[in-house]
Amino acid sequence: MKRNIVIAAVTAAALIGGGTATALATTGDGGGSAQQAANTRLSDDDVRDDQDDRDDDKGQDDDAAQAASGDVTAPQAIASALKHTPGTVVSAELDDEDDSDKVIWKVDVLSGDNTWHSVRVDPSNGKVLGAHTDDEDDTAQVRAALKGSSVTAEQAAKAAAGKGTVTSVDLDEDGKNKSWEAETRKSGGAEQDWKIDLNTGKVTADRADDQDDADDQD
């Protein structure tokens, strides 16, 4: 009789409050009900986390689709930025514009007087949307890394384009083996990092990136 009363009460609560009360209907024991309610809340949190992961993946896929469908490639964006702001391009990447969902090319240019410029390029037509100066503290390292090199950022992006759609190219001035680094994406959304030799333009897979992926899987 007592169990029937509990079930009736829980059923009424479920009609009013939704599915969370369903877990309470399985037992008349207070401790068990509390535990099942906690498990239900944890399950709901897991569902939300999974949804957030899917949303993040969707955002990455959207960026990849935008890159693949854009009319302006990385080398073209770099060329457009240099026409607007002469100097040495140190990096270029497809990224969300500040306070906007619009994806643009952001190209970092180091001018002859060691002033850093961030140039924004429209990926649909190659027009420069604007530029501003930046404060960077690695100017000396960048100059030293590029001294005597023969491969520019534009050439590195062209070399990496044979591996997929280039979404970024950046100078790695740290460590012993200095190089250009590029990220490519294919139509399915798969991404890969590459290293481009500063003197030969040879493209090799970034093994450090592969190792990071293996560690993540472990």
N, C-alpha and C. Protein backbone atom coordinates (compact mmCIF):
# COMPACT_ATOMS: atom_id res chain seq x y z
N MET A 1 0.84 -1.21 0.00
CA MET A 1 0.00 0.00 0.00
C MET A 1 0.87 1.24 0.00
N LYS A 2 1.88 1.21 0.85
CA LYS A 2 2.79 2.36 0.91
C LYS A 2 3.48 2.58 -0.42
N ARG A 3 3.91 1.46 -1.08
CA ARG A 3 4.58 1.57 -2.38
C ARG A 3 3.66 2.18 -3.42
N ASN A 4 2.39 1.79 -3.41
CA ASN A 4 1.43 2.34 -4.37
C ASN A 4 1.27 3.84 -4.18
N ILE A 5 1.28 4.28 -2.94
CA ILE A 5 1.15 5.73 -2.66
C ILE A 5 2.35 6.47 -3.20
N VAL A 6 3.57 5.90 -2.99
CA VAL A 6 4.79 6.55 -3.49
C VAL A 6 4.77 6.65 -5.00
N ILE A 7 4.39 5.54 -5.65
CA ILE A 7 4.36 5.55 -7.12
C ILE A 7 3.35 6.56 -7.63
N ALA A 8 2.20 6.63 -7.00
CA ALA A 8 1.18 7.59 -7.42
C ALA A 8 1.69 9.01 -7.26
N ALA A 9 2.38 9.28 -6.16
CA ALA A 9 2.91 10.63 -5.93
C ALA A 9 3.96 10.98 -6.95
N VAL A 10 4.84 10.03 -7.26
CA VAL A 10 5.89 10.29 -8.23
C VAL A 10 5.33 10.48 -9.62
N THR A 11 4.29 9.69 -9.94
CA THR A 11 3.67 9.82 -11.26
C THR A 11 3.09 11.21 -11.43
N ALA A 12 2.44 11.70 -10.39
CA ALA A 12 1.87 13.06 -10.44
C ALA A 12 2.97 14.09 -10.60
N ALA A 13 4.10 13.89 -9.90
CA ALA A 13 5.21 14.83 -10.02
C ALA A 13 5.80 14.81 -11.41
N ALA A 14 5.84 13.63 -12.01
CA ALA A 14 6.40 13.51 -13.36
C ALA A 14 5.56 14.26 -14.36
N LEU A 15 4.23 14.21 -14.19
CA LEU A 15 3.34 14.93 -15.09
C LEU A 15 3.55 16.43 -14.99
N ILE A 16 3.88 16.89 -13.78
CA ILE A 16 4.07 18.32 -13.57
C ILE A 16 5.48 18.76 -13.92
N GLY A 17 6.50 18.02 -13.45
CA GLY A 17 7.89 18.48 -13.54
C GLY A 17 8.70 17.92 -14.68
N GLY A 18 8.25 16.93 -15.40
CA GLY A 18 9.04 16.41 -16.52
C GLY A 18 9.74 15.13 -16.15
N GLY A 19 10.72 14.75 -17.03
CA GLY A 19 11.32 13.43 -16.97
C GLY A 19 12.20 13.18 -15.77
N THR A 20 12.74 14.21 -15.09
CA THR A 20 13.68 13.98 -13.99
C THR A 20 13.05 13.14 -12.88
N ALA A 21 11.74 13.32 -12.65
CA ALA A 21 11.09 12.60 -11.56
C ALA A 21 10.94 11.12 -11.87
N THR A 22 11.09 10.72 -13.12
CA THR A 22 10.90 9.33 -13.51
C THR A 22 11.83 8.42 -12.74
N ALA A 23 13.06 8.88 -12.52
CA ALA A 23 14.02 8.06 -11.80
C ALA A 23 13.56 7.78 -10.38
N LEU A 24 12.78 8.66 -9.78
CA LEU A 24 12.33 8.50 -8.41
C LEU A 24 11.24 7.45 -8.29
N ALA A 25 10.58 7.09 -9.38
CA ALA A 25 9.45 6.17 -9.34
C ALA A 25 9.88 4.72 -9.23
N THR A 26 11.14 4.45 -9.35
CA THR A 26 11.60 3.07 -9.39
C THR A 26 11.71 2.44 -8.02
N THR A 27 11.69 3.25 -6.98
CA THR A 27 11.86 2.69 -5.63
C THR A 27 11.23 3.60 -4.60
N GLY A 28 10.84 3.02 -3.50
CA GLY A 28 10.31 3.82 -2.40
C GLY A 28 11.38 4.18 -1.41
N ASP A 29 12.61 3.72 -1.62
CA ASP A 29 13.70 3.99 -0.69
C ASP A 29 14.28 5.36 -0.95
N GLY A 30 14.37 6.20 0.07
CA GLY A 30 14.82 7.58 -0.11
C GLY A 30 16.23 7.65 -0.61
N GLY A 31 17.16 6.82 -0.06
CA GLY A 31 18.56 6.87 -0.48
C GLY A 31 18.73 6.46 -1.92
N GLY A 32 18.04 5.39 -2.33
CA GLY A 32 18.15 4.94 -3.71
C GLY A 32 17.61 5.97 -4.68
N SER A 33 16.51 6.61 -4.31
CA SER A 33 15.93 7.63 -5.18
C SER A 33 16.87 8.79 -5.37
N ALA A 34 17.51 9.22 -4.28
CA ALA A 34 18.45 10.34 -4.37
C ALA A 34 19.62 10.00 -5.27
N GLN A 35 20.12 8.75 -5.14
CA GLN A 35 21.24 8.33 -5.98
C GLN A 35 20.86 8.30 -7.45
N GLN A 36 19.67 7.77 -7.73
CA GLN A 36 19.23 7.70 -9.12
C GLN A 36 19.00 9.10 -9.70
N ALA A 37 18.50 10.01 -8.86
CA ALA A 37 18.31 11.38 -9.32
C ALA A 37 19.65 12.01 -9.67
N ALA A 38 20.67 11.73 -8.82
CA ALA A 38 22.01 12.26 -9.09
C ALA A 38 22.56 11.69 -10.38
N ASN A 39 22.33 10.38 -10.58
CA ASN A 39 22.80 9.75 -11.81
C ASN A 39 22.13 10.36 -13.03
N THR A 40 20.85 10.68 -12.88
CA THR A 40 20.12 11.30 -13.99
C THR A 40 20.71 12.65 -14.33
N ARG A 41 21.05 13.44 -13.26
CA ARG A 41 21.64 14.76 -13.52
C ARG A 41 23.00 14.62 -14.19
N LEU A 42 23.80 13.63 -13.75
CA LEU A 42 25.10 13.41 -14.39
C LEU A 42 24.92 13.03 -15.84
N SER A 43 23.91 12.18 -16.11
CA SER A 43 23.66 11.77 -17.49
C SER A 43 23.29 12.97 -18.35
N ASP A 44 22.48 13.86 -17.79
CA ASP A 44 22.10 15.06 -18.53
C ASP A 44 23.31 15.93 -18.83
N ASP A 45 24.25 16.03 -17.84
CA ASP A 45 25.47 16.81 -18.06
C ASP A 45 26.30 16.20 -19.18
N ASP A 46 26.38 14.86 -19.22
CA ASP A 46 27.14 14.18 -20.27
C ASP A 46 26.54 14.49 -21.64
N VAL A 47 25.20 14.49 -21.69
CA VAL A 47 24.53 14.79 -22.97
C VAL A 47 24.87 16.19 -23.43
N ARG A 48 24.86 17.15 -22.46
CA ARG A 48 25.19 18.53 -22.82
C ARG A 48 26.64 18.65 -23.27
N ASP A 49 27.56 17.93 -22.59
CA ASP A 49 28.97 17.96 -22.99
C ASP A 49 29.14 17.41 -24.39
N ASP A 50 28.45 16.31 -24.68
CA ASP A 50 28.53 15.72 -26.02
C ASP A 50 28.01 16.69 -27.07
N GLN A 51 26.94 17.40 -26.72
CA GLN A 51 26.37 18.36 -27.67
C GLN A 51 27.35 19.50 -27.91
N ASP A 52 28.02 19.96 -26.82
CA ASP A 52 29.01 21.02 -26.97
C ASP A 52 30.15 20.57 -27.87
N ASP A 53 30.60 19.31 -27.73
CA ASP A 53 31.66 18.78 -28.58
C ASP A 53 31.21 18.75 -30.03
N ARG A 54 29.96 18.34 -30.23
CA ARG A 54 29.44 18.30 -31.60
C ARG A 54 29.36 19.70 -32.19
N ASP A 55 28.97 20.67 -31.35
CA ASP A 55 28.90 22.05 -31.84
C ASP A 55 30.29 22.57 -32.22
N ASP A 56 31.31 22.21 -31.39
CA ASP A 56 32.68 22.62 -31.71
C ASP A 56 33.14 22.00 -33.02
N ASP A 57 32.84 20.71 -33.19
CA ASP A 57 33.22 20.03 -34.44
C ASP A 57 32.51 20.66 -35.62
N LYS A 58 31.24 21.02 -35.42
CA LYS A 58 30.49 21.65 -36.49
C LYS A 58 31.10 22.99 -36.86
N GLY A 59 31.55 23.75 -35.83
CA GLY A 59 32.20 25.03 -36.11
C GLY A 59 33.46 24.85 -36.92
N GLN A 60 34.25 23.81 -36.58
CA GLN A 60 35.46 23.54 -37.34
C GLN A 60 35.11 23.14 -38.77
N ASP A 61 34.07 22.31 -38.92
CA ASP A 61 33.66 21.90 -40.26
C ASP A 61 33.18 23.10 -41.06
N ASP A 62 32.47 24.03 -40.39
CA ASP A 62 32.00 25.22 -41.08
C ASP A 62 33.17 26.06 -41.57
N ASP A 63 34.21 26.19 -40.72
CA ASP A 63 35.40 26.93 -41.12
C ASP A 63 36.07 26.27 -42.31
N ALA A 64 36.13 24.93 -42.26
CA ALA A 64 36.75 24.20 -43.37
C ALA A 64 35.96 24.40 -44.65
N ALA A 65 34.62 24.34 -44.52
CA ALA A 65 33.78 24.56 -45.69
C ALA A 65 33.95 25.97 -46.24
N GLN A 66 34.06 26.94 -45.34
CA GLN A 66 34.26 28.32 -45.75
C GLN A 66 35.59 28.46 -46.49
N ALA A 67 36.61 27.79 -45.96
CA ALA A 67 37.92 27.86 -46.61
C ALA A 67 37.88 27.24 -47.99
N ALA A 68 37.22 26.08 -48.08
CA ALA A 68 37.18 25.37 -49.36
C ALA A 68 36.35 26.12 -50.39
N SER A 69 35.31 26.82 -49.93
CA SER A 69 34.43 27.50 -50.87
C SER A 69 34.89 28.92 -51.18
N GLY A 70 35.84 29.44 -50.41
CA GLY A 70 36.32 30.80 -50.64
C GLY A 70 37.07 30.94 -51.94
N ASP A 71 36.96 32.09 -52.55
CA ASP A 71 37.63 32.33 -53.83
C ASP A 71 39.08 32.72 -53.64
N VAL A 72 39.46 33.13 -52.44
CA VAL A 72 40.80 33.65 -52.20
C VAL A 72 41.61 32.63 -51.40
N THR A 73 42.70 32.15 -51.97
CA THR A 73 43.56 31.19 -51.30
C THR A 73 44.53 31.92 -50.36
N ALA A 74 45.25 31.13 -49.58
CA ALA A 74 46.23 31.73 -48.67
C ALA A 74 47.29 32.54 -49.41
N PRO A 75 47.89 32.02 -50.49
CA PRO A 75 48.87 32.83 -51.22
C PRO A 75 48.28 34.12 -51.76
N GLN A 76 47.03 34.07 -52.22
CA GLN A 76 46.40 35.28 -52.75
C GLN A 76 46.12 36.29 -51.65
N ALA A 77 45.71 35.79 -50.49
CA ALA A 77 45.47 36.69 -49.35
C ALA A 77 46.76 37.37 -48.93
N ILE A 78 47.86 36.61 -48.93
CA ILE A 78 49.15 37.17 -48.58
C ILE A 78 49.57 38.24 -49.58
N ALA A 79 49.39 37.94 -50.85
CA ALA A 79 49.75 38.91 -51.90
C ALA A 79 48.93 40.18 -51.76
N SER A 80 47.66 40.05 -51.45
CA SER A 80 46.79 41.22 -51.28
C SER A 80 47.23 42.05 -50.08
N ALA A 81 47.59 41.37 -48.99
CA ALA A 81 48.03 42.08 -47.79
C ALA A 81 49.33 42.83 -48.05
N LEU A 82 50.25 42.21 -48.79
CA LEU A 82 51.53 42.86 -49.09
C LEU A 82 51.36 44.05 -50.02
N LYS A 83 50.40 43.98 -50.90
CA LYS A 83 50.13 45.11 -51.79
C LYS A 83 49.65 46.31 -50.98
N HIS A 84 48.88 46.03 -49.94
CA HIS A 84 48.36 47.09 -49.08
C HIS A 84 49.43 47.56 -48.09
N THR A 85 50.17 46.61 -47.51
CA THR A 85 51.17 46.91 -46.48
C THR A 85 52.46 46.17 -46.81
N PRO A 86 53.40 46.83 -47.48
CA PRO A 86 54.66 46.17 -47.85
C PRO A 86 55.45 45.73 -46.62
N GLY A 87 56.16 44.63 -46.77
CA GLY A 87 56.98 44.11 -45.68
C GLY A 87 57.17 42.62 -45.83
N THR A 88 57.31 41.94 -44.72
CA THR A 88 57.51 40.49 -44.70
C THR A 88 56.35 39.84 -43.98
N VAL A 89 55.64 38.96 -44.67
CA VAL A 89 54.53 38.25 -44.03
C VAL A 89 55.09 37.16 -43.13
N VAL A 90 54.65 37.15 -41.89
CA VAL A 90 55.11 36.17 -40.91
C VAL A 90 54.04 35.12 -40.64
N SER A 91 52.78 35.47 -40.84
CA SER A 91 51.71 34.49 -40.67
C SER A 91 50.46 34.94 -41.39
N ALA A 92 49.63 33.95 -41.72
CA ALA A 92 48.32 34.22 -42.32
C ALA A 92 47.40 33.09 -41.90
N GLU A 93 46.19 33.43 -41.48
CA GLU A 93 45.27 32.39 -41.07
C GLU A 93 43.83 32.82 -41.29
N LEU A 94 42.99 31.81 -41.56
CA LEU A 94 41.56 32.03 -41.60
C LEU A 94 41.05 32.01 -40.17
N ASP A 95 40.36 33.07 -39.79
CA ASP A 95 39.92 33.16 -38.40
C ASP A 95 38.64 33.98 -38.35
N ASP A 96 37.90 33.81 -37.24
CA ASP A 96 36.70 34.62 -37.04
C ASP A 96 37.09 36.07 -36.81
N GLU A 97 36.37 36.95 -37.47
CA GLU A 97 36.60 38.38 -37.24
C GLU A 97 36.14 38.75 -35.85
N ASP A 98 36.81 39.71 -35.24
CA ASP A 98 36.45 40.13 -33.88
C ASP A 98 34.99 40.53 -33.81
N ASP A 99 34.30 39.99 -32.77
CA ASP A 99 32.89 40.32 -32.53
C ASP A 99 32.01 40.00 -33.72
N SER A 100 32.36 38.94 -34.45
CA SER A 100 31.58 38.57 -35.62
C SER A 100 31.80 37.10 -35.93
N ASP A 101 30.80 36.48 -36.59
CA ASP A 101 30.94 35.09 -37.01
C ASP A 101 31.57 34.99 -38.40
N LYS A 102 31.85 36.14 -39.00
CA LYS A 102 32.42 36.13 -40.35
C LYS A 102 33.87 35.69 -40.31
N VAL A 103 34.23 34.78 -41.21
CA VAL A 103 35.60 34.30 -41.31
C VAL A 103 36.38 35.18 -42.28
N ILE A 104 37.58 35.60 -41.87
CA ILE A 104 38.42 36.44 -42.73
C ILE A 104 39.86 35.92 -42.67
N TRP A 105 40.66 36.38 -43.60
CA TRP A 105 42.09 36.14 -43.53
C TRP A 105 42.72 37.22 -42.65
N LYS A 106 43.54 36.78 -41.69
CA LYS A 106 44.32 37.69 -40.87
C LYS A 106 45.79 37.48 -41.22
N VAL A 107 46.42 38.51 -41.74
CA VAL A 107 47.79 38.41 -42.23
C VAL A 107 48.68 39.34 -41.40
N ASP A 108 49.70 38.77 -40.78
CA ASP A 108 50.65 39.56 -39.98
C ASP A 108 51.85 39.93 -40.85
N VAL A 109 52.11 41.23 -40.95
CA VAL A 109 53.19 41.75 -41.79
C VAL A 109 54.17 42.52 -40.92
N LEU A 110 55.45 42.21 -41.06
CA LEU A 110 56.52 42.93 -40.38
C LEU A 110 57.16 43.88 -41.38
N SER A 111 56.96 45.18 -41.18
CA SER A 111 57.46 46.16 -42.13
C SER A 111 58.95 46.42 -41.93
N GLY A 112 59.52 47.17 -42.85
CA GLY A 112 60.96 47.43 -42.82
C GLY A 112 61.43 48.16 -41.58
N ASP A 113 60.55 48.94 -40.97
CA ASP A 113 60.94 49.68 -39.76
C ASP A 113 60.61 48.89 -38.48
N ASN A 114 60.36 47.58 -38.66
CA ASN A 114 60.07 46.66 -37.55
C ASN A 114 58.72 46.92 -36.87
N THR A 115 57.82 47.53 -37.61
CA THR A 115 56.46 47.70 -37.12
C THR A 115 55.61 46.52 -37.57
N TRP A 116 54.83 45.97 -36.66
CA TRP A 116 53.95 44.86 -36.98
C TRP A 116 52.58 45.38 -37.40
N HIS A 117 52.06 44.78 -38.46
CA HIS A 117 50.73 45.15 -38.96
C HIS A 117 49.87 43.90 -39.08
N SER A 118 48.63 44.00 -38.64
CA SER A 118 47.65 42.94 -38.82
C SER A 118 46.68 43.39 -39.91
N VAL A 119 46.70 42.68 -41.03
CA VAL A 119 45.90 43.07 -42.19
C VAL A 119 44.75 42.07 -42.36
N ARG A 120 43.53 42.58 -42.50
CA ARG A 120 42.34 41.75 -42.66
C ARG A 120 41.94 41.73 -44.12
N VAL A 121 41.80 40.50 -44.64
CA VAL A 121 41.49 40.32 -46.06
C VAL A 121 40.21 39.50 -46.22
N ASP A 122 39.34 39.99 -47.09
CA ASP A 122 38.08 39.30 -47.36
C ASP A 122 38.36 38.03 -48.18
N PRO A 123 37.96 36.84 -47.69
CA PRO A 123 38.25 35.60 -48.42
C PRO A 123 37.40 35.40 -49.66
N SER A 124 36.39 36.24 -49.85
CA SER A 124 35.53 36.08 -51.02
C SER A 124 36.02 36.86 -52.23
N ASN A 125 36.76 37.96 -51.98
CA ASN A 125 37.19 38.80 -53.12
C ASN A 125 38.62 39.31 -53.01
N GLY A 126 39.29 39.07 -51.88
CA GLY A 126 40.68 39.48 -51.72
C GLY A 126 40.87 40.94 -51.35
N LYS A 127 39.79 41.66 -51.11
CA LYS A 127 39.92 43.07 -50.75
C LYS A 127 40.38 43.21 -49.30
N VAL A 128 41.22 44.19 -49.06
CA VAL A 128 41.67 44.47 -47.70
C VAL A 128 40.57 45.21 -46.95
N LEU A 129 40.16 44.64 -45.84
CA LEU A 129 39.07 45.22 -45.06
C LEU A 129 39.56 46.24 -44.05
N GLY A 130 40.85 46.21 -43.77
CA GLY A 130 41.42 47.14 -42.81
C GLY A 130 42.73 46.60 -42.26
N ALA A 131 43.43 47.41 -41.51
CA ALA A 131 44.71 47.01 -40.92
C ALA A 131 44.97 47.85 -39.68
N HIS A 132 45.72 47.28 -38.76
CA HIS A 132 46.13 48.02 -37.57
C HIS A 132 47.50 47.52 -37.12
N THR A 133 48.19 48.34 -36.35
CA THR A 133 49.51 47.95 -35.87
C THR A 133 49.38 47.11 -34.59
N ASP A 134 50.35 46.23 -34.41
CA ASP A 134 50.38 45.36 -33.24
C ASP A 134 51.71 45.52 -32.52
N ASP A 135 51.71 45.17 -31.25
CA ASP A 135 52.95 45.13 -30.47
C ASP A 135 53.37 43.68 -30.32
N GLU A 136 54.55 43.35 -30.83
CA GLU A 136 55.09 41.99 -30.71
C GLU A 136 56.48 42.08 -30.10
N ASP A 137 56.85 41.04 -29.36
CA ASP A 137 58.14 41.06 -28.68
C ASP A 137 59.15 40.06 -29.27
N ASP A 138 58.82 39.47 -30.43
CA ASP A 138 59.72 38.48 -31.01
C ASP A 138 60.30 38.93 -32.35
N THR A 139 60.37 40.24 -32.54
CA THR A 139 60.88 40.76 -33.81
C THR A 139 62.29 40.27 -34.11
N ALA A 140 63.16 40.30 -33.11
CA ALA A 140 64.55 39.87 -33.31
C ALA A 140 64.62 38.40 -33.70
N GLN A 141 63.81 37.57 -33.05
CA GLN A 141 63.81 36.14 -33.37
C GLN A 141 63.33 35.89 -34.79
N VAL A 142 62.30 36.62 -35.19
CA VAL A 142 61.76 36.47 -36.54
C VAL A 142 62.80 36.87 -37.59
N ARG A 143 63.43 38.01 -37.36
CA ARG A 143 64.47 38.47 -38.30
C ARG A 143 65.61 37.45 -38.39
N ALA A 144 66.00 36.90 -37.25
CA ALA A 144 67.10 35.93 -37.23
C ALA A 144 66.71 34.65 -37.94
N ALA A 145 65.47 34.20 -37.75
CA ALA A 145 65.01 32.96 -38.38
C ALA A 145 64.93 33.09 -39.89
N LEU A 146 64.54 34.26 -40.37
CA LEU A 146 64.36 34.47 -41.80
C LEU A 146 65.65 34.90 -42.51
N LYS A 147 66.68 35.24 -41.75
CA LYS A 147 67.93 35.68 -42.35
C LYS A 147 68.53 34.57 -43.21
N GLY A 148 68.76 34.87 -44.46
CA GLY A 148 69.34 33.90 -45.37
C GLY A 148 68.35 32.91 -45.96
N SER A 149 67.09 32.96 -45.54
CA SER A 149 66.09 32.03 -46.08
C SER A 149 65.66 32.47 -47.46
N SER A 150 65.16 31.53 -48.25
CA SER A 150 64.75 31.84 -49.62
C SER A 150 63.27 31.57 -49.88
N VAL A 151 62.58 30.98 -48.91
CA VAL A 151 61.16 30.65 -49.09
C VAL A 151 60.31 31.59 -48.27
N THR A 152 59.43 32.32 -48.93
CA THR A 152 58.54 33.26 -48.25
C THR A 152 57.28 32.54 -47.76
N ALA A 153 56.48 33.25 -46.99
CA ALA A 153 55.22 32.70 -46.51
C ALA A 153 54.30 32.36 -47.68
N GLU A 154 54.29 33.22 -48.68
CA GLU A 154 53.46 32.98 -49.86
C GLU A 154 53.90 31.70 -50.57
N GLN A 155 55.20 31.51 -50.73
CA GLN A 155 55.71 30.31 -51.39
C GLN A 155 55.44 29.06 -50.55
N ALA A 156 55.56 29.21 -49.24
CA ALA A 156 55.27 28.08 -48.35
C ALA A 156 53.81 27.66 -48.46
N ALA A 157 52.91 28.65 -48.53
CA ALA A 157 51.48 28.35 -48.67
C ALA A 157 51.20 27.67 -49.99
N LYS A 158 51.88 28.10 -51.05
CA LYS A 158 51.70 27.44 -52.35
C LYS A 158 52.18 26.00 -52.30
N ALA A 159 53.29 25.76 -51.61
CA ALA A 159 53.83 24.41 -51.52
C ALA A 159 52.88 23.50 -50.74
N ALA A 160 52.32 24.02 -49.65
CA ALA A 160 51.42 23.22 -48.82
C ALA A 160 50.06 23.01 -49.48
N ALA A 161 49.72 23.84 -50.45
CA ALA A 161 48.42 23.73 -51.11
C ALA A 161 48.26 22.40 -51.83
N GLY A 162 49.37 21.74 -52.13
CA GLY A 162 49.28 20.42 -52.75
C GLY A 162 48.77 19.36 -51.80
N LYS A 163 48.68 19.66 -50.52
CA LYS A 163 48.22 18.72 -49.51
C LYS A 163 46.77 18.93 -49.10
N GLY A 164 46.19 20.02 -49.53
CA GLY A 164 44.82 20.34 -49.15
C GLY A 164 44.62 21.85 -49.14
N THR A 165 43.47 22.29 -48.66
CA THR A 165 43.19 23.72 -48.57
C THR A 165 43.95 24.31 -47.40
N VAL A 166 44.81 25.27 -47.68
CA VAL A 166 45.61 25.88 -46.62
C VAL A 166 44.75 26.86 -45.84
N THR A 167 44.67 26.64 -44.53
CA THR A 167 43.90 27.54 -43.68
C THR A 167 44.79 28.41 -42.80
N SER A 168 46.08 28.07 -42.73
CA SER A 168 47.01 28.93 -42.01
C SER A 168 48.44 28.60 -42.41
N VAL A 169 49.29 29.61 -42.33
CA VAL A 169 50.74 29.43 -42.50
C VAL A 169 51.41 30.36 -41.51
N ASP A 170 52.45 29.85 -40.84
CA ASP A 170 53.03 30.61 -39.75
C ASP A 170 54.51 30.26 -39.63
N LEU A 171 55.31 31.23 -39.24
CA LEU A 171 56.73 30.99 -39.06
C LEU A 171 57.00 30.40 -37.68
N ASP A 172 57.70 29.27 -37.66
CA ASP A 172 58.15 28.68 -36.40
C ASP A 172 59.60 29.08 -36.20
N GLU A 173 59.80 30.11 -35.39
CA GLU A 173 61.15 30.63 -35.18
C GLU A 173 61.82 30.06 -33.94
N ASP A 174 61.11 29.16 -33.24
CA ASP A 174 61.65 28.57 -32.03
C ASP A 174 62.34 27.23 -32.34
N GLY A 175 63.23 26.84 -31.46
CA GLY A 175 63.87 25.54 -31.61
C GLY A 175 65.00 25.53 -32.63
N LYS A 176 65.54 24.34 -32.84
CA LYS A 176 66.69 24.19 -33.72
C LYS A 176 66.29 24.22 -35.18
N ASN A 177 65.24 23.49 -35.53
CA ASN A 177 64.81 23.38 -36.92
C ASN A 177 63.72 24.39 -37.23
N LYS A 178 64.12 25.58 -37.59
CA LYS A 178 63.17 26.64 -37.91
C LYS A 178 62.53 26.35 -39.27
N SER A 179 61.26 26.69 -39.41
CA SER A 179 60.54 26.36 -40.64
C SER A 179 59.24 27.14 -40.70
N TRP A 180 58.59 27.04 -41.85
CA TRP A 180 57.22 27.50 -41.96
C TRP A 180 56.32 26.35 -41.52
N GLU A 181 55.23 26.65 -40.87
CA GLU A 181 54.23 25.65 -40.51
C GLU A 181 52.92 26.01 -41.18
N ALA A 182 52.27 25.01 -41.76
CA ALA A 182 51.00 25.24 -42.44
C ALA A 182 49.99 24.21 -41.99
N GLU A 183 48.75 24.63 -41.93
CA GLU A 183 47.65 23.72 -41.64
C GLU A 183 46.77 23.61 -42.87
N THR A 184 46.43 22.39 -43.22
CA THR A 184 45.54 22.17 -44.36
C THR A 184 44.32 21.39 -43.91
N ARG A 185 43.25 21.58 -44.66
CA ARG A 185 42.03 20.81 -44.44
C ARG A 185 41.52 20.30 -45.76
N LYS A 186 40.95 19.11 -45.70
CA LYS A 186 40.35 18.53 -46.89
C LYS A 186 38.84 18.66 -46.81
N SER A 187 38.17 18.30 -47.89
CA SER A 187 36.73 18.53 -47.98
C SER A 187 35.96 17.82 -46.87
N GLY A 188 36.50 16.68 -46.38
CA GLY A 188 35.83 15.96 -45.31
C GLY A 188 36.02 16.58 -43.95
N GLY A 189 36.86 17.62 -43.85
CA GLY A 189 37.10 18.28 -42.58
C GLY A 189 38.37 17.85 -41.88
N ALA A 190 39.04 16.79 -42.40
CA ALA A 190 40.28 16.33 -41.76
C ALA A 190 41.36 17.38 -41.92
N GLU A 191 42.10 17.61 -40.83
CA GLU A 191 43.15 18.62 -40.87
C GLU A 191 44.51 17.99 -40.61
N GLN A 192 45.55 18.62 -41.12
CA GLN A 192 46.90 18.12 -40.96
C GLN A 192 47.87 19.29 -40.91
N ASP A 193 48.88 19.18 -40.07
CA ASP A 193 49.92 20.20 -39.98
C ASP A 193 51.15 19.76 -40.77
N TRP A 194 51.80 20.74 -41.38
CA TRP A 194 52.96 20.47 -42.23
C TRP A 194 54.08 21.45 -41.89
N LYS A 195 55.30 21.01 -42.15
CA LYS A 195 56.47 21.88 -42.03
C LYS A 195 57.03 22.10 -43.43
N ILE A 196 57.40 23.35 -43.72
CA ILE A 196 57.97 23.70 -45.02
C ILE A 196 59.35 24.29 -44.79
N ASP A 197 60.35 23.67 -45.39
CA ASP A 197 61.73 24.10 -45.20
C ASP A 197 61.93 25.53 -45.69
N LEU A 198 62.65 26.32 -44.90
CA LEU A 198 62.84 27.74 -45.21
C LEU A 198 63.71 27.96 -46.44
N ASN A 199 64.49 26.96 -46.82
CA ASN A 199 65.40 27.14 -47.95
C ASN A 199 65.02 26.33 -49.17
N THR A 200 64.49 25.13 -48.96
CA THR A 200 64.17 24.27 -50.10
C THR A 200 62.69 24.26 -50.46
N GLY A 201 61.84 24.64 -49.51
CA GLY A 201 60.40 24.59 -49.75
C GLY A 201 59.83 23.19 -49.66
N LYS A 202 60.64 22.22 -49.19
CA LYS A 202 60.17 20.85 -49.07
C LYS A 202 59.11 20.75 -47.98
N VAL A 203 58.02 20.02 -48.28
CA VAL A 203 56.90 19.88 -47.36
C VAL A 203 56.95 18.51 -46.70
N THR A 204 56.92 18.48 -45.38
CA THR A 204 56.89 17.22 -44.64
C THR A 204 55.81 17.30 -43.57
N ALA A 205 55.26 16.15 -43.22
CA ALA A 205 54.23 16.11 -42.19
C ALA A 205 54.84 16.48 -40.84
N ASP A 206 54.07 17.19 -40.04
CA ASP A 206 54.53 17.57 -38.72
C ASP A 206 54.36 16.38 -37.79
N ARG A 207 55.44 15.67 -37.53
CA ARG A 207 55.36 14.45 -36.71
C ARG A 207 54.99 14.76 -35.28
N ALA A 208 55.36 15.93 -34.80
CA ALA A 208 54.98 16.32 -33.44
C ALA A 208 53.47 16.38 -33.33
N ASP A 209 52.82 16.86 -34.40
CA ASP A 209 51.36 16.92 -34.42
C ASP A 209 50.77 15.53 -34.41
N ASP A 210 51.37 14.60 -35.17
CA ASP A 210 50.90 13.23 -35.19
C ASP A 210 51.01 12.59 -33.81
N GLN A 211 52.12 12.88 -33.10
CA GLN A 211 52.31 12.33 -31.78
C GLN A 211 51.29 12.87 -30.79
N ASP A 212 50.97 14.17 -30.93
CA ASP A 212 49.94 14.76 -30.06
C ASP A 212 48.61 14.07 -30.26
N ASP A 213 48.27 13.75 -31.53
CA ASP A 213 47.02 13.06 -31.82
C ASP A 213 47.03 11.68 -31.19
N ALA A 214 48.18 10.98 -31.26
CA ALA A 214 48.27 9.65 -30.68
C ALA A 214 48.11 9.71 -29.17
N ASP A 215 48.71 10.73 -28.54
CA ASP A 215 48.59 10.89 -27.09
C ASP A 215 47.15 11.16 -26.70
N ASP A 216 46.44 11.96 -27.52
CA ASP A 216 45.04 12.26 -27.22
C ASP A 216 44.19 10.99 -27.27
N GLN A 217 44.52 10.10 -28.23
CA GLN A 217 43.76 8.86 -28.36
C GLN A 217 44.00 7.94 -27.17
N ASP A 218 45.25 7.96 -26.65
CA ASP A 218 45.56 7.15 -25.48
C ASP A 218 44.77 7.64 -24.26
